[in-house]
Amino acid sequence: MAETLDTSKGWCCDGRTWTEHAAEGGGCCQPEGKQIADLPPEGQEKARERTAQAGG
């Protein structure tokens, strides 16, 4: 089953969404609204993998 990623608030540098970090108590390494291209290379790779797995 595909997981749904809420990317409306952007991404964190570890490849998780900002919303995921907020749901786990915060701690995102960068401000809300960052796009995949704004992430460090390893974060971009993880975010793209996760987006592909979610069917996006």
PDB file of N, CA and C in Angstrom:
ATOM      1  N   MET A   1       0.841  -1.183   0.000  1.00  0.00           N
ATOM      2  CA  MET A   1       0.000   0.000   0.000  1.00  0.00           C
ATOM      3  C   MET A   1       0.886   1.247   0.000  1.00  0.00           C
ATOM      4  N   ALA A   2       0.555   2.190  -0.855  1.00  0.00           N
ATOM      5  CA  ALA A   2       1.359   3.407  -0.965  1.00  0.00           C
ATOM      6  C   ALA A   2       1.115   4.317   0.231  1.00  0.00           C
ATOM      7  N   GLU A   3       2.177   4.916   0.691  1.00  0.00           N
ATOM      8  CA  GLU A   3       2.061   5.849   1.804  1.00  0.00           C
ATOM      9  C   GLU A   3       1.769   7.230   1.233  1.00  0.00           C
ATOM     10  N   THR A   4       1.026   8.027   1.962  1.00  0.00           N
ATOM     11  CA  THR A   4       0.709   9.372   1.511  1.00  0.00           C
ATOM     12  C   THR A   4       1.643  10.350   2.201  1.00  0.00           C
ATOM     13  N   LEU A   5       2.347  11.131   1.415  1.00  0.00           N
ATOM     14  CA  LEU A   5       3.264  12.127   1.961  1.00  0.00           C
ATOM     15  C   LEU A   5       2.599  13.499   1.875  1.00  0.00           C
ATOM     16  N   ASP A   6       2.559  14.199   2.989  1.00  0.00           N
ATOM     17  CA  ASP A   6       2.041  15.561   2.994  1.00  0.00           C
ATOM     18  C   ASP A   6       3.216  16.498   2.770  1.00  0.00           C
ATOM     19  N   THR A   7       3.395  16.918   1.548  1.00  0.00           N
ATOM     20  CA  THR A   7       4.519  17.776   1.204  1.00  0.00           C
ATOM     21  C   THR A   7       4.124  19.253   1.167  1.00  0.00           C
ATOM     22  N   SER A   8       2.936  19.567   1.648  1.00  0.00           N
ATOM     23  CA  SER A   8       2.428  20.940   1.564  1.00  0.00           C
ATOM     24  C   SER A   8       3.293  21.937   2.333  1.00  0.00           C
ATOM     25  N   LYS A   9       4.004  21.469   3.348  1.00  0.00           N
ATOM     26  CA  LYS A   9       4.848  22.371   4.144  1.00  0.00           C
ATOM     27  C   LYS A   9       6.319  22.202   3.835  1.00  0.00           C
ATOM     28  N   GLY A  10       6.630  21.389   2.829  1.00  0.00           N
ATOM     29  CA  GLY A  10       8.019  21.235   2.412  1.00  0.00           C
ATOM     30  C   GLY A  10       8.699  20.021   3.023  1.00  0.00           C
ATOM     31  N   TRP A  11      10.027  20.052   2.919  1.00  0.00           N
ATOM     32  CA  TRP A  11      10.874  18.912   3.285  1.00  0.00           C
ATOM     33  C   TRP A  11      11.914  19.291   4.320  1.00  0.00           C
ATOM     34  N   CYS A  12      12.403  18.279   5.040  1.00  0.00           N
ATOM     35  CA  CYS A  12      13.514  18.444   5.977  1.00  0.00           C
ATOM     36  C   CYS A  12      14.760  17.813   5.356  1.00  0.00           C
ATOM     37  N   CYS A  13      15.916  18.185   5.862  1.00  0.00           N
ATOM     38  CA  CYS A  13      17.170  17.785   5.219  1.00  0.00           C
ATOM     39  C   CYS A  13      17.443  16.284   5.294  1.00  0.00           C
ATOM     40  N   ASP A  14      16.695  15.546   6.108  1.00  0.00           N
ATOM     41  CA  ASP A  14      16.914  14.098   6.167  1.00  0.00           C
ATOM     42  C   ASP A  14      16.014  13.328   5.209  1.00  0.00           C
ATOM     43  N   GLY A  15      15.251  14.047   4.376  1.00  0.00           N
ATOM     44  CA  GLY A  15      14.399  13.390   3.391  1.00  0.00           C
ATOM     45  C   GLY A  15      12.997  13.093   3.880  1.00  0.00           C
ATOM     46  N   ARG A  16      12.687  13.531   5.092  1.00  0.00           N
ATOM     47  CA  ARG A  16      11.314  13.392   5.578  1.00  0.00           C
ATOM     48  C   ARG A  16      10.584  14.711   5.357  1.00  0.00           C
ATOM     49  N   THR A  17       9.253  14.660   5.367  1.00  0.00           N
ATOM     50  CA  THR A  17       8.509  15.902   5.170  1.00  0.00           C
ATOM     51  C   THR A  17       8.482  16.721   6.448  1.00  0.00           C
ATOM     52  N   TRP A  18       8.281  18.015   6.286  1.00  0.00           N
ATOM     53  CA  TRP A  18       8.188  18.922   7.422  1.00  0.00           C
ATOM     54  C   TRP A  18       7.028  18.490   8.318  1.00  0.00           C
ATOM     55  N   THR A  19       5.938  18.052   7.692  1.00  0.00           N
ATOM     56  CA  THR A  19       4.760  17.612   8.446  1.00  0.00           C
ATOM     57  C   THR A  19       5.073  16.385   9.300  1.00  0.00           C
ATOM     58  N   GLU A  20       5.864  15.456   8.768  1.00  0.00           N
ATOM     59  CA  GLU A  20       6.255  14.269   9.549  1.00  0.00           C
ATOM     60  C   GLU A  20       7.030  14.685  10.792  1.00  0.00           C
ATOM     61  N   HIS A  21       7.961  15.606  10.637  1.00  0.00           N
ATOM     62  CA  HIS A  21       8.723  16.074  11.791  1.00  0.00           C
ATOM     63  C   HIS A  21       7.820  16.752  12.805  1.00  0.00           C
ATOM     64  N   ALA A  22       6.885  17.578  12.344  1.00  0.00           N
ATOM     65  CA  ALA A  22       5.966  18.274  13.251  1.00  0.00           C
ATOM     66  C   ALA A  22       5.118  17.268  14.020  1.00  0.00           C
ATOM     67  N   ALA A  23       4.678  16.205  13.354  1.00  0.00           N
ATOM     68  CA  ALA A  23       3.858  15.184  14.004  1.00  0.00           C
ATOM     69  C   ALA A  23       4.648  14.423  15.061  1.00  0.00           C
ATOM     70  N   GLU A  24       5.968  14.395  14.915  1.00  0.00           N
ATOM     71  CA  GLU A  24       6.831  13.688  15.862  1.00  0.00           C
ATOM     72  C   GLU A  24       7.436  14.640  16.886  1.00  0.00           C
ATOM     73  N   GLY A  25       6.895  15.836  16.970  1.00  0.00           N
ATOM     74  CA  GLY A  25       7.371  16.775  17.974  1.00  0.00           C
ATOM     75  C   GLY A  25       8.333  17.817  17.447  1.00  0.00           C
ATOM     76  N   GLY A  26       8.403  17.954  16.134  1.00  0.00           N
ATOM     77  CA  GLY A  26       9.254  18.988  15.560  1.00  0.00           C
ATOM     78  C   GLY A  26      10.675  18.527  15.360  1.00  0.00           C
ATOM     79  N   GLY A  27      11.570  19.471  15.301  1.00  0.00           N
ATOM     80  CA  GLY A  27      12.979  19.149  15.160  1.00  0.00           C
ATOM     81  C   GLY A  27      13.463  19.113  13.730  1.00  0.00           C
ATOM     82  N   CYS A  28      12.697  19.695  12.810  1.00  0.00           N
ATOM     83  CA  CYS A  28      13.174  19.758  11.430  1.00  0.00           C
ATOM     84  C   CYS A  28      14.416  20.641  11.385  1.00  0.00           C
ATOM     85  N   CYS A  29      15.365  20.254  10.556  1.00  0.00           N
ATOM     86  CA  CYS A  29      16.646  20.938  10.506  1.00  0.00           C
ATOM     87  C   CYS A  29      16.620  22.210   9.673  1.00  0.00           C
ATOM     88  N   GLN A  30      15.502  22.530   9.078  1.00  0.00           N
ATOM     89  CA  GLN A  30      15.410  23.739   8.271  1.00  0.00           C
ATOM     90  C   GLN A  30      13.995  24.280   8.311  1.00  0.00           C
ATOM     91  N   PRO A  31      13.779  25.519   7.870  1.00  0.00           N
ATOM     92  CA  PRO A  31      12.459  26.132   7.969  1.00  0.00           C
ATOM     93  C   PRO A  31      11.419  25.464   7.074  1.00  0.00           C
ATOM     94  N   GLU A  32      10.183  25.672   7.420  1.00  0.00           N
ATOM     95  CA  GLU A  32       9.062  25.185   6.628  1.00  0.00           C
ATOM     96  C   GLU A  32       9.152  25.726   5.205  1.00  0.00           C
ATOM     97  N   GLY A  33       8.718  24.928   4.231  1.00  0.00           N
ATOM     98  CA  GLY A  33       8.621  25.400   2.859  1.00  0.00           C
ATOM     99  C   GLY A  33       9.763  25.020   1.935  1.00  0.00           C
ATOM    100  N   LYS A  34      10.729  24.234   2.426  1.00  0.00           N
ATOM    101  CA  LYS A  34      11.860  23.855   1.574  1.00  0.00           C
ATOM    102  C   LYS A  34      11.432  22.791   0.564  1.00  0.00           C
ATOM    103  N   GLN A  35      11.950  22.916  -0.642  1.00  0.00           N
ATOM    104  CA  GLN A  35      11.670  21.949  -1.695  1.00  0.00           C
ATOM    105  C   GLN A  35      12.803  20.917  -1.746  1.00  0.00           C
ATOM    106  N   ILE A  36      12.572  19.827  -2.481  1.00  0.00           N
ATOM    107  CA  ILE A  36      13.586  18.776  -2.581  1.00  0.00           C
ATOM    108  C   ILE A  36      14.919  19.352  -3.057  1.00  0.00           C
ATOM    109  N   ALA A  37      14.876  20.279  -4.006  1.00  0.00           N
ATOM    110  CA  ALA A  37      16.105  20.862  -4.553  1.00  0.00           C
ATOM    111  C   ALA A  37      16.894  21.647  -3.509  1.00  0.00           C
ATOM    112  N   ASP A  38      16.236  22.066  -2.423  1.00  0.00           N
ATOM    113  CA  ASP A  38      16.905  22.824  -1.367  1.00  0.00           C
ATOM    114  C   ASP A  38      17.632  21.929  -0.366  1.00  0.00           C
ATOM    115  N   LEU A  39      17.417  20.628  -0.448  1.00  0.00           N
ATOM    116  CA  LEU A  39      17.985  19.698   0.530  1.00  0.00           C
ATOM    117  C   LEU A  39      19.417  19.345   0.185  1.00  0.00           C
ATOM    118  N   PRO A  40      20.171  18.863   1.191  1.00  0.00           N
ATOM    119  CA  PRO A  40      21.505  18.331   0.879  1.00  0.00           C
ATOM    120  C   PRO A  40      21.368  17.091  -0.010  1.00  0.00           C
ATOM    121  N   PRO A  41      22.414  16.706  -0.737  1.00  0.00           N
ATOM    122  CA  PRO A  41      22.310  15.594  -1.697  1.00  0.00           C
ATOM    123  C   PRO A  41      21.694  14.320  -1.130  1.00  0.00           C
ATOM    124  N   GLU A  42      22.097  13.902   0.062  1.00  0.00           N
ATOM    125  CA  GLU A  42      21.545  12.652   0.608  1.00  0.00           C
ATOM    126  C   GLU A  42      20.064  12.810   0.959  1.00  0.00           C
ATOM    127  N   GLY A  43      19.679  13.989   1.400  1.00  0.00           N
ATOM    128  CA  GLY A  43      18.272  14.261   1.690  1.00  0.00           C
ATOM    129  C   GLY A  43      17.442  14.264   0.422  1.00  0.00           C
ATOM    130  N   GLN A  44      17.994  14.836  -0.654  1.00  0.00           N
ATOM    131  CA  GLN A  44      17.297  14.845  -1.943  1.00  0.00           C
ATOM    132  C   GLN A  44      17.047  13.419  -2.414  1.00  0.00           C
ATOM    133  N   GLU A  45      18.061  12.586  -2.292  1.00  0.00           N
ATOM    134  CA  GLU A  45      17.938  11.196  -2.729  1.00  0.00           C
ATOM    135  C   GLU A  45      16.843  10.474  -1.946  1.00  0.00           C
ATOM    136  N   LYS A  46      16.842  10.621  -0.620  1.00  0.00           N
ATOM    137  CA  LYS A  46      15.828   9.975   0.216  1.00  0.00           C
ATOM    138  C   LYS A  46      14.438  10.509  -0.097  1.00  0.00           C
ATOM    139  N   ALA A  47      14.328  11.828  -0.261  1.00  0.00           N
ATOM    140  CA  ALA A  47      13.025  12.428  -0.546  1.00  0.00           C
ATOM    141  C   ALA A  47      12.482  11.931  -1.883  1.00  0.00           C
ATOM    142  N   ARG A  48      13.347  11.831  -2.885  1.00  0.00           N
ATOM    143  CA  ARG A  48      12.906  11.352  -4.201  1.00  0.00           C
ATOM    144  C   ARG A  48      12.490   9.884  -4.140  1.00  0.00           C
ATOM    145  N   GLU A  49      13.234   9.075  -3.401  1.00  0.00           N
ATOM    146  CA  GLU A  49      12.863   7.672  -3.228  1.00  0.00           C
ATOM    147  C   GLU A  49      11.499   7.559  -2.563  1.00  0.00           C
ATOM    148  N   ARG A  50      11.282   8.350  -1.536  1.00  0.00           N
ATOM    149  CA  ARG A  50      10.024   8.302  -0.795  1.00  0.00           C
ATOM    150  C   ARG A  50       8.872   8.793  -1.672  1.00  0.00           C
ATOM    151  N   THR A  51       9.123   9.828  -2.476  1.00  0.00           N
ATOM    152  CA  THR A  51       8.092  10.334  -3.377  1.00  0.00           C
ATOM    153  C   THR A  51       7.717   9.277  -4.406  1.00  0.00           C
ATOM    154  N   ALA A  52       8.717   8.577  -4.938  1.00  0.00           N
ATOM    155  CA  ALA A  52       8.466   7.524  -5.913  1.00  0.00           C
ATOM    156  C   ALA A  52       7.667   6.375  -5.296  1.00  0.00           C
ATOM    157  N   GLN A  53       8.007   6.008  -4.060  1.00  0.00           N
ATOM    158  CA  GLN A  53       7.297   4.929  -3.367  1.00  0.00           C
ATOM    159  C   GLN A  53       5.848   5.304  -3.090  1.00  0.00           C
ATOM    160  N   ALA A  54       5.601   6.595  -2.869  1.00  0.00           N
ATOM    161  CA  ALA A  54       4.249   7.066  -2.564  1.00  0.00           C
ATOM    162  C   ALA A  54       3.432   7.267  -3.838  1.00  0.00           C
ATOM    163  N   GLY A  55       4.062   7.026  -4.984  1.00  0.00           N
ATOM    164  CA  GLY A  55       3.357   7.151  -6.240  1.00  0.00           C
ATOM    165  C   GLY A  55       3.258   8.572  -6.748  1.00  0.00           C
ATOM    166  N   GLY A  56       4.163   9.435  -6.247  1.00  0.00           N
ATOM    167  CA  GLY A  56       4.104  10.827  -6.642  1.00  0.00           C
ATOM    168  C   GLY A  56       5.217  11.159  -7.554  1.00  0.00           C
TER     169      GLY A  56
END
